């Protein structure tokens, strides 16, 4: 079936003022005035601003259960983690299932069609965390890069996390290979891909980094970790390893196009050059960096150096939200604070939150409205009071704070209609999630 999404109010694409034609789950034509061949169905998009589906480059789904927790608010990263690790050690499979479904639904509501989740907490009984997230992705229809996170350096080894949430290197590598064989789909249009994601320099050892990089080469998957989020991390690396985090990255075989990093706040000029030349991606997490007072990612310098810059909402206990349109607006505001009012535009941050994030995830089949790419689209209306008087529709979405899509399409299928996720009982999901969160009070 050929569907013409006709004459949108505005569209984030060149040469598509008349909309797009979708067939077999892909974009097959950008329309100027009228399609070049007959269509089977028309959707009138004259009330809608059309974006590529937003791509979330970094998240922690389980943290939706500990939003705004009294034990952790008003703290910087290390004390924040130390307050929350004992709570996260209570995580059970049923908790993760409802947390993942809630996070995916919340992202979908904001126009997000692909999400990377970094799950690295493995208390006893949660060994099949990746399987749980894959099931939640299939139920909601959102594309996912599920990153098999890991920690093997606990407090007894000089690391930050408690013993109860870490695993041995053998356990981590065996399960990484298991989930790659079971779920990783490198083909264009894949719903689920796997990436390997040791958590951070203060929770893993060098040997795990090296072996993980080798495994990624074998199975042709991406690599992901937190890096240079705070100055505490930099001090830890200097004391533990006698080197800065980017040097650690290079020594362990991670300075490669397979790698994308979360945060990337505290790189110096020389390191930015090395990352750019290597084609490493950086997921900018503006909201959590502000909440935890970590600093501001040097997005402009990274992009000029050749690094892919994407956007992530980060964990819902440091951002306290899983909303990609809010992430886009936050990136604009904090970027202008750093670089000036004219240095970063609404078009820049929309590009980071779509094509840039897709590059971080190693995907060239999503993230852009272009012939041949997957038909992943987010459609927004401008009929709320906050948008009244807006003159440039794309700028209005970002500057006036759009936060909820009207329609979302993934692979040519509508997954949200009239602001409601298809096949999801939203009120029951919220009630179930609220009940689960009580376990972490």
Protein backbone atom coordinates (compact mmCIF):
# COMPACT_ATOMS: atom_id res chain seq x y z
CA UNK A 1 0.00 0.00 0.00
CA UNK A 2 1.23 3.47 -0.94
CA UNK A 3 0.39 6.13 1.64
CA UNK A 4 0.76 9.84 0.88
CA UNK A 5 1.31 11.96 3.99
CA UNK A 6 0.09 15.06 2.24
CA UNK A 7 1.05 18.72 2.40
CA UNK A 8 2.28 19.12 5.99
CA UNK A 9 2.27 22.48 7.72
CA UNK A 10 6.07 22.10 7.80
CA UNK A 11 8.50 19.22 7.37
CA UNK A 12 12.11 18.77 8.45
CA UNK A 13 13.35 17.79 5.00
CA UNK A 14 14.40 19.48 1.76
CA UNK A 15 12.17 19.14 -1.30
CA UNK A 16 9.20 17.66 0.55
CA UNK A 17 6.77 20.56 0.83
CA UNK A 18 4.05 18.30 -0.57
CA UNK A 19 4.82 15.56 1.93
CA UNK A 20 6.15 12.02 1.60
CA UNK A 21 4.99 8.73 0.14
CA UNK A 22 5.43 5.61 2.28
CA UNK A 23 5.40 2.06 0.95
CA UNK A 24 6.48 -1.24 2.52
CA UNK A 25 7.65 0.54 5.65
CA UNK A 26 10.04 2.91 3.87
CA UNK A 27 9.97 6.41 2.45
CA UNK A 28 9.77 6.01 -1.33
CA UNK A 29 9.18 9.59 -2.48
CA UNK A 30 9.59 13.16 -1.31
CA UNK A 31 6.70 15.07 -2.83
CA UNK A 32 6.96 18.53 -4.34
CA UNK A 33 3.43 19.17 -5.62
CA UNK A 34 1.96 15.70 -6.20
CA UNK A 35 3.23 12.10 -6.14
CA UNK A 36 4.76 10.73 -9.32
CA UNK A 37 2.52 7.63 -9.24
CA UNK A 38 -0.94 6.80 -7.87
CA UNK A 39 -1.35 6.24 -4.12
CA UNK A 40 -3.74 3.97 -2.23
CA UNK A 41 -4.37 6.22 0.75
CA UNK A 42 -3.92 9.86 1.72
CA UNK A 43 -3.33 11.27 5.20
CA UNK A 44 -4.01 15.01 5.33
CA UNK A 45 -1.07 16.46 7.31
CA UNK A 46 -1.99 20.11 6.82
CA UNK A 47 -2.27 20.57 10.61
CA UNK A 48 1.00 18.80 11.33
CA UNK A 49 4.68 19.58 11.58
CA UNK A 50 6.53 16.45 10.43
CA UNK A 51 9.89 15.37 11.85
CA UNK A 52 11.93 12.23 11.40
CA UNK A 53 11.25 10.01 14.38
CA UNK A 54 13.43 11.24 17.22
CA UNK A 55 16.29 8.93 18.25
CA UNK A 56 17.27 8.71 21.92
CA UNK A 57 21.00 7.95 22.17
CA UNK A 58 21.19 7.28 25.91
CA UNK A 59 18.77 6.22 28.65
CA UNK A 60 18.40 4.04 31.75
CA UNK A 61 14.84 2.68 31.73
CA UNK A 62 14.92 1.19 35.23
CA UNK A 63 15.50 4.65 36.71
CA UNK A 64 11.88 5.64 36.02
CA UNK A 65 11.21 3.85 39.32
CA UNK A 66 13.35 6.29 41.34
CA UNK A 67 12.48 9.71 39.94
CA UNK A 68 12.95 12.69 42.27
CA UNK A 69 13.91 10.31 45.09
CA UNK A 70 14.52 12.11 48.41
CA UNK A 71 17.73 10.13 48.96
CA UNK A 72 19.28 11.48 45.77
CA UNK A 73 17.97 14.95 44.95
CA UNK A 74 20.35 17.92 45.23
CA UNK A 75 23.49 15.80 44.81
CA UNK A 76 26.30 15.58 42.27
CA UNK A 77 26.98 12.36 40.36
CA UNK A 78 29.11 10.29 42.77
CA UNK A 79 27.02 10.90 45.93
CA UNK A 80 23.88 10.59 43.79
CA UNK A 81 25.00 7.13 42.64
CA UNK A 82 26.03 6.10 46.13
CA UNK A 83 22.55 7.02 47.38
CA UNK A 84 20.74 5.11 44.64
CA UNK A 85 22.82 1.94 44.15
CA UNK A 86 21.38 0.28 47.30
CA UNK A 87 17.86 1.02 46.03
CA UNK A 88 18.58 -0.30 42.53
CA UNK A 89 19.91 -3.49 44.10
CA UNK A 90 16.24 -4.28 44.90
CA UNK A 91 15.37 -4.44 41.19
CA UNK A 92 13.43 -7.56 40.14
CA UNK A 93 12.38 -8.75 36.67
CA UNK A 94 8.80 -7.53 37.12
CA UNK A 95 10.08 -4.07 38.09
CA UNK A 96 12.27 -3.81 35.00
CA UNK A 97 9.46 -4.98 32.72
CA UNK A 98 7.05 -2.26 33.80
CA UNK A 99 9.83 0.35 33.94
CA UNK A 100 10.90 -0.44 30.37
CA UNK A 101 7.36 -0.36 29.03
CA UNK A 102 6.66 2.94 30.82
CA UNK A 103 9.88 4.51 29.50
CA UNK A 104 9.25 3.34 25.93
CA UNK A 105 5.69 4.64 26.03
CA UNK A 106 6.80 7.96 27.48
CA UNK A 107 9.41 8.29 24.73
CA UNK A 108 6.87 7.38 22.06
CA UNK A 109 4.54 10.11 23.31
CA UNK A 110 7.32 12.64 22.73
CA UNK A 111 7.85 11.56 19.10
CA UNK A 112 10.72 9.13 19.73
CA UNK A 113 10.81 6.08 17.46
CA UNK A 114 14.20 4.56 18.39
CA UNK A 115 15.82 4.37 21.82
CA UNK A 116 19.12 3.14 23.20
CA UNK A 117 18.89 1.88 26.75
CA UNK A 118 21.98 1.34 28.89
CA UNK A 119 21.17 -1.32 31.47
CA UNK A 120 24.15 -2.10 33.67
CA UNK A 121 22.68 -3.05 37.09
CA UNK A 122 22.54 -6.82 37.55
CA UNK A 123 21.45 -7.84 41.05
CA UNK A 124 20.87 -11.55 41.59
CA UNK A 125 17.80 -12.74 39.69
CA UNK A 126 18.00 -10.10 36.94
CA UNK A 127 20.37 -11.99 34.66
CA UNK A 128 17.93 -11.81 31.72
CA UNK A 129 17.50 -8.03 31.73
CA UNK A 130 18.12 -7.75 27.98
CA UNK A 131 15.41 -10.32 27.26
CA UNK A 132 12.95 -8.33 29.36
CA UNK A 133 13.70 -5.10 27.48
CA UNK A 134 13.43 -6.84 24.11
CA UNK A 135 9.95 -8.06 25.05
CA UNK A 136 8.92 -4.53 26.07
CA UNK A 137 10.21 -3.13 22.78
CA UNK A 138 8.20 -5.67 20.79
CA UNK A 139 5.06 -4.88 22.77
CA UNK A 140 5.31 -1.13 22.16
CA UNK A 141 6.76 -1.31 18.63
CA UNK A 142 9.59 1.15 19.35
CA UNK A 143 12.96 0.34 17.80
CA UNK A 144 15.72 -0.28 20.32
CA UNK A 145 19.43 -0.60 20.65
CA UNK A 146 19.58 -2.53 23.91
CA UNK A 147 23.02 -2.06 25.35
CA UNK A 148 24.20 -4.97 27.46
CA UNK A 149 25.77 -2.92 30.23
CA UNK A 150 28.18 -4.28 32.80
CA UNK A 151 30.07 -3.54 36.00
CA UNK A 152 32.78 -5.78 37.47
CA UNK A 153 34.63 -3.30 39.70
CA UNK A 154 32.82 -2.95 43.04
CA UNK A 155 33.65 -1.14 46.27
CA UNK A 156 35.89 -3.98 47.46
CA UNK A 157 37.99 -3.48 44.29
CA UNK A 158 38.18 0.30 44.62
CA UNK A 159 35.16 0.97 42.40
CA UNK A 160 31.97 2.87 43.17
CA UNK A 161 29.08 0.32 43.01
CA UNK A 162 28.28 -2.14 45.82
CA UNK A 163 29.07 -5.82 45.38
CA UNK A 164 25.37 -6.69 45.05
CA UNK A 165 24.90 -5.14 41.58
CA UNK A 166 28.09 -6.24 39.78
CA UNK A 167 29.03 -9.46 37.95
CA UNK A 168 32.27 -11.24 37.13
CA UNK A 169 33.93 -10.69 33.76
CA UNK A 170 33.16 -14.29 32.77
CA UNK A 171 29.46 -13.83 33.54
CA UNK A 172 29.36 -10.55 31.62
CA UNK A 173 31.12 -11.81 28.50
CA UNK A 174 29.12 -15.05 28.38
CA UNK A 175 25.81 -13.21 28.59
CA UNK A 176 26.97 -10.57 26.11
CA UNK A 177 27.59 -13.32 23.56
CA UNK A 178 24.25 -14.96 24.41
CA UNK A 179 22.19 -11.84 23.78
CA UNK A 180 24.11 -10.94 20.63
CA UNK A 181 23.29 -14.34 19.16
CA UNK A 182 19.67 -14.12 20.30
CA UNK A 183 18.67 -10.53 19.52
CA UNK A 184 21.22 -8.59 17.45
CA UNK A 185 19.90 -7.78 13.98
CA UNK A 186 22.34 -5.73 11.87
CA UNK A 187 20.05 -5.57 8.82
CA UNK A 188 18.41 -2.28 7.68
CA UNK A 189 15.02 -1.82 9.27
CA UNK A 190 15.87 -3.91 12.33
CA UNK A 191 13.70 -3.38 15.37
CA UNK A 192 16.26 -4.62 17.89
CA UNK A 193 20.01 -4.35 17.91
CA UNK A 194 22.45 -5.09 20.71
CA UNK A 195 25.42 -2.95 21.74
CA UNK A 196 27.96 -3.77 24.44
CA UNK A 197 28.27 -1.21 27.18
CA UNK A 198 30.62 -1.46 30.17
CA UNK A 199 29.28 1.21 32.47
CA UNK A 200 32.08 3.67 33.21
CA UNK A 201 35.78 3.86 34.14
CA UNK A 202 34.93 3.76 37.85
CA UNK A 203 32.96 0.50 37.65
CA UNK A 204 34.91 -1.70 35.19
CA UNK A 205 38.49 -2.85 34.75
CA UNK A 206 40.69 -2.55 31.66
CA UNK A 207 40.55 -6.22 30.74
CA UNK A 208 36.76 -6.15 30.48
CA UNK A 209 37.01 -3.13 28.14
CA UNK A 210 39.51 -4.98 25.94
CA UNK A 211 37.51 -8.23 25.76
CA UNK A 212 34.27 -6.35 25.12
CA UNK A 213 35.84 -4.52 22.16
CA UNK A 214 36.98 -7.85 20.71
CA UNK A 215 33.46 -9.27 21.06
CA UNK A 216 32.00 -6.23 19.27
CA UNK A 217 34.33 -6.84 16.33
CA UNK A 218 33.30 -10.49 16.16
CA UNK A 219 29.57 -9.74 16.14
CA UNK A 220 29.67 -6.39 14.31
CA UNK A 221 27.92 -4.36 16.98
CA UNK A 222 28.34 -0.94 18.55
CA UNK A 223 30.16 -0.08 21.79
CA UNK A 224 28.88 2.34 24.41
CA UNK A 225 29.97 3.73 27.78
CA UNK A 226 29.80 6.81 29.99
CA UNK A 227 32.91 8.94 29.59
CA UNK A 228 34.14 12.29 30.90
CA UNK A 229 30.83 13.06 32.57
CA UNK A 230 32.38 14.66 35.65
CA UNK A 231 35.72 15.84 36.96
CA UNK A 232 35.40 13.19 39.71
CA UNK A 233 35.66 10.56 36.96
CA UNK A 234 38.78 12.22 35.57
CA UNK A 235 40.40 12.23 39.02
CA UNK A 236 39.45 8.57 39.53
CA UNK A 237 41.12 7.55 36.24
CA UNK A 238 44.28 9.47 37.05
CA UNK A 239 44.50 7.87 40.49
CA UNK A 240 43.47 4.35 39.42
CA UNK A 241 45.16 4.07 36.03
CA UNK A 242 47.53 7.04 35.81
CA UNK A 243 45.83 8.26 32.63
CA UNK A 244 42.90 10.37 31.46
CA UNK A 245 39.67 8.69 30.32
CA UNK A 246 40.28 9.15 26.57
CA UNK A 247 43.73 7.57 26.91
CA UNK A 248 42.05 4.62 28.62
CA UNK A 249 39.59 4.44 25.74
CA UNK A 250 42.38 4.28 23.17
CA UNK A 251 44.50 1.77 25.08
CA UNK A 252 41.60 -0.67 25.34
CA UNK A 253 40.67 -0.56 21.63
CA UNK A 254 37.63 1.69 21.88
CA UNK A 255 38.78 4.63 19.75
CA UNK A 256 36.71 3.50 16.78
CA UNK A 257 33.58 4.29 14.77
CA UNK A 258 31.81 1.50 16.66
CA UNK A 259 31.88 3.62 19.82
CA UNK A 260 29.54 6.27 21.07
CA UNK A 261 29.91 7.88 24.47
CA UNK A 262 27.39 9.29 26.90
CA UNK A 263 27.94 12.86 28.17
CA UNK A 264 31.46 13.76 26.98
CA UNK A 265 31.59 16.93 29.06
CA UNK A 266 35.24 17.18 30.08
CA UNK A 267 37.29 16.58 26.91
CA UNK A 268 40.21 18.89 26.18
CA UNK A 269 40.96 20.22 22.67
CA UNK A 270 43.46 17.49 21.83
CA UNK A 271 41.05 14.75 22.93
CA UNK A 272 38.23 16.23 20.86
CA UNK A 273 40.49 16.06 17.81
CA UNK A 274 41.31 12.40 18.47
CA UNK A 275 37.66 11.50 18.97
CA UNK A 276 36.65 13.28 15.78
CA UNK A 277 39.35 11.63 13.67
CA UNK A 278 38.31 8.24 15.00
CA UNK A 279 34.64 8.90 14.24
CA UNK A 280 33.51 8.33 17.82
CA UNK A 281 29.98 9.55 18.62
CA UNK A 282 28.84 11.49 21.68
CA UNK A 283 25.33 11.41 23.15
CA UNK A 284 24.75 14.85 24.67
CA UNK A 285 22.55 14.60 27.80
CA UNK A 286 21.85 18.24 28.58
CA UNK A 287 19.15 17.81 31.23
CA UNK A 288 20.99 15.37 33.48
CA UNK A 289 24.21 17.34 33.12
CA UNK A 290 22.31 20.36 34.43
CA UNK A 291 20.53 18.47 37.22
CA UNK A 292 23.80 16.95 38.51
CA UNK A 293 25.83 20.12 37.74
CA UNK A 294 28.27 18.07 35.67
CA UNK A 295 29.03 20.71 33.04
CA UNK A 296 28.19 21.38 29.39
CA UNK A 297 29.16 19.11 26.50
CA UNK A 298 31.33 20.84 23.86
CA UNK A 299 28.97 19.90 21.06
CA UNK A 300 30.15 22.44 18.47
CA UNK A 301 33.83 21.55 18.78
CA UNK A 302 33.04 17.82 18.68
CA UNK A 303 30.97 18.15 15.54
CA UNK A 304 33.56 20.31 13.80
CA UNK A 305 36.19 17.68 14.63
CA UNK A 306 34.12 14.99 12.90
CA UNK A 307 32.38 13.31 15.83
CA UNK A 308 28.73 12.39 15.55
CA UNK A 309 26.68 14.40 18.07
CA UNK A 310 23.38 12.92 19.21
CA UNK A 311 20.98 13.58 22.07
CA UNK A 312 19.91 11.44 25.00
CA UNK A 313 17.43 11.94 27.80
CA UNK A 314 19.67 9.93 30.18
CA UNK A 315 18.24 8.19 33.21
CA UNK A 316 14.86 9.19 34.53
CA UNK A 317 16.37 9.62 37.98
CA UNK A 318 18.80 12.33 36.84
CA UNK A 319 16.71 13.95 34.11
CA UNK A 320 13.46 12.83 35.76
CA UNK A 321 11.87 12.82 32.30
CA UNK A 322 11.92 10.52 29.27
CA UNK A 323 10.95 13.14 26.70
CA UNK A 324 13.02 13.63 23.56
CA UNK A 325 11.41 16.92 22.54
CA UNK A 326 12.39 18.31 25.93
CA UNK A 327 15.92 17.00 25.30
CA UNK A 328 16.01 18.89 22.01
CA UNK A 329 14.97 22.14 23.68
CA UNK A 330 17.40 21.65 26.58
CA UNK A 331 20.25 21.12 24.10
CA UNK A 332 19.39 24.40 22.38
CA UNK A 333 19.19 26.41 25.58
CA UNK A 334 22.35 25.10 27.25
CA UNK A 335 24.20 25.31 23.94
CA UNK A 336 23.33 28.96 23.53
CA UNK A 337 24.41 29.65 27.07
CA UNK A 338 27.83 28.24 26.16
CA UNK A 339 28.25 29.43 22.58
CA UNK A 340 25.94 32.44 22.10
CA UNK A 341 22.49 33.04 20.64
CA UNK A 342 23.39 32.58 16.98
CA UNK A 343 25.81 29.66 17.23
CA UNK A 344 23.22 26.88 17.62
CA UNK A 345 19.83 26.93 15.90
CA UNK A 346 16.64 24.93 16.30
CA UNK A 347 17.60 23.10 13.10
CA UNK A 348 20.92 22.04 14.63
CA UNK A 349 19.35 20.46 17.69
CA UNK A 350 16.61 18.76 15.65
CA UNK A 351 19.37 17.28 13.49
CA UNK A 352 21.27 16.11 16.59
CA UNK A 353 18.13 14.46 17.98
CA UNK A 354 17.46 12.58 14.74
CA UNK A 355 20.28 11.99 12.25
CA UNK A 356 23.03 12.63 14.81
CA UNK A 357 21.68 10.12 17.30
CA UNK A 358 21.16 7.60 14.50
CA UNK A 359 24.84 7.96 13.55
CA UNK A 360 25.81 7.32 17.18
CA UNK A 361 23.85 4.07 17.05
CA UNK A 362 25.55 3.09 13.78
CA UNK A 363 22.32 3.36 11.76
CA UNK A 364 21.93 4.98 8.35
CA UNK A 365 18.41 3.63 7.77
CA UNK A 366 16.65 5.96 10.22
CA UNK A 367 16.99 9.52 11.51
CA UNK A 368 16.24 11.45 8.31
CA UNK A 369 13.32 12.01 5.95
CA UNK A 370 14.96 10.66 2.81
CA UNK A 371 14.07 8.18 0.08
CA UNK A 372 15.09 4.67 1.12
CA UNK A 373 15.07 5.29 4.85
CA UNK A 374 12.60 3.71 7.22
CA UNK A 375 9.25 5.48 7.50
CA UNK A 376 9.76 6.56 11.11
CA UNK A 377 7.95 9.88 11.52
CA UNK A 378 6.71 12.11 14.32
CA UNK A 379 3.81 14.47 13.60
CA UNK A 380 3.06 17.40 15.90
CA UNK A 381 0.15 19.84 15.92
CA UNK A 382 0.45 23.48 17.01
CA UNK A 383 -3.03 23.90 18.47
CA UNK A 384 -2.12 24.43 22.14
CA UNK A 385 -1.95 27.87 23.78
CA UNK A 386 1.85 27.60 24.08
CA UNK A 387 2.15 27.66 20.27
CA UNK A 388 -0.33 30.42 19.52
CA UNK A 389 1.37 33.21 17.58
CA UNK A 390 4.28 31.05 16.44
CA UNK A 391 5.43 32.06 12.93
CA UNK A 392 8.08 29.49 11.97
CA UNK A 393 6.53 26.06 12.65
CA UNK A 394 9.82 24.15 13.14
CA UNK A 395 11.25 26.85 15.41
CA UNK A 396 7.93 26.99 17.26
CA UNK A 397 8.15 23.28 18.11
CA UNK A 398 11.52 23.77 19.78
CA UNK A 399 11.33 27.28 21.22
CA UNK A 400 7.77 27.04 22.52
CA UNK A 401 8.36 23.66 24.13
CA UNK A 402 6.53 20.93 22.23
CA UNK A 403 6.51 17.81 24.36
CA UNK A 404 3.85 15.49 22.94
CA UNK A 405 3.33 14.26 19.39
CA UNK A 406 -0.10 13.81 17.84
CA UNK A 407 0.86 10.90 15.61
CA UNK A 408 3.92 8.63 15.42
CA UNK A 409 4.76 6.19 12.64
CA UNK A 410 7.38 3.43 12.89
CA UNK A 411 8.24 1.37 9.83
CA UNK A 412 5.16 2.68 8.03
CA UNK A 413 2.72 1.70 10.82
CA UNK A 414 0.97 4.19 13.09
CA UNK A 415 2.07 3.54 16.68
CA UNK A 416 0.39 6.63 18.10
CA UNK A 417 -2.87 8.19 16.91
CA UNK A 418 -4.47 11.36 18.25
CA UNK A 419 -1.95 11.51 21.08
CA UNK A 420 -2.63 7.97 22.28
CA UNK A 421 -0.22 5.02 21.96
CA UNK A 422 -1.76 2.19 19.97
CA UNK A 423 -2.46 -0.96 21.97
CA UNK A 424 -1.34 0.49 25.31
CA UNK A 425 -3.69 0.93 28.27
CA UNK A 426 -1.99 4.06 29.50
CA UNK A 427 -3.84 4.39 32.79
CA UNK A 428 -3.18 0.77 33.75
CA UNK A 429 0.48 1.12 32.80
CA UNK A 430 0.85 4.19 35.02
CA UNK A 431 -0.94 2.44 37.90
CA UNK A 432 1.25 -0.66 37.59
CA UNK A 433 4.41 1.45 37.39
CA UNK A 434 3.39 3.55 40.40
CA UNK A 435 2.82 0.36 42.39
CA UNK A 436 6.25 -0.97 41.39
CA UNK A 437 7.95 2.29 42.36
CA UNK A 438 6.71 1.90 45.94
CA UNK A 439 9.21 -0.93 46.33
CA UNK A 440 12.00 1.67 46.08
CA UNK A 441 10.66 4.19 48.60
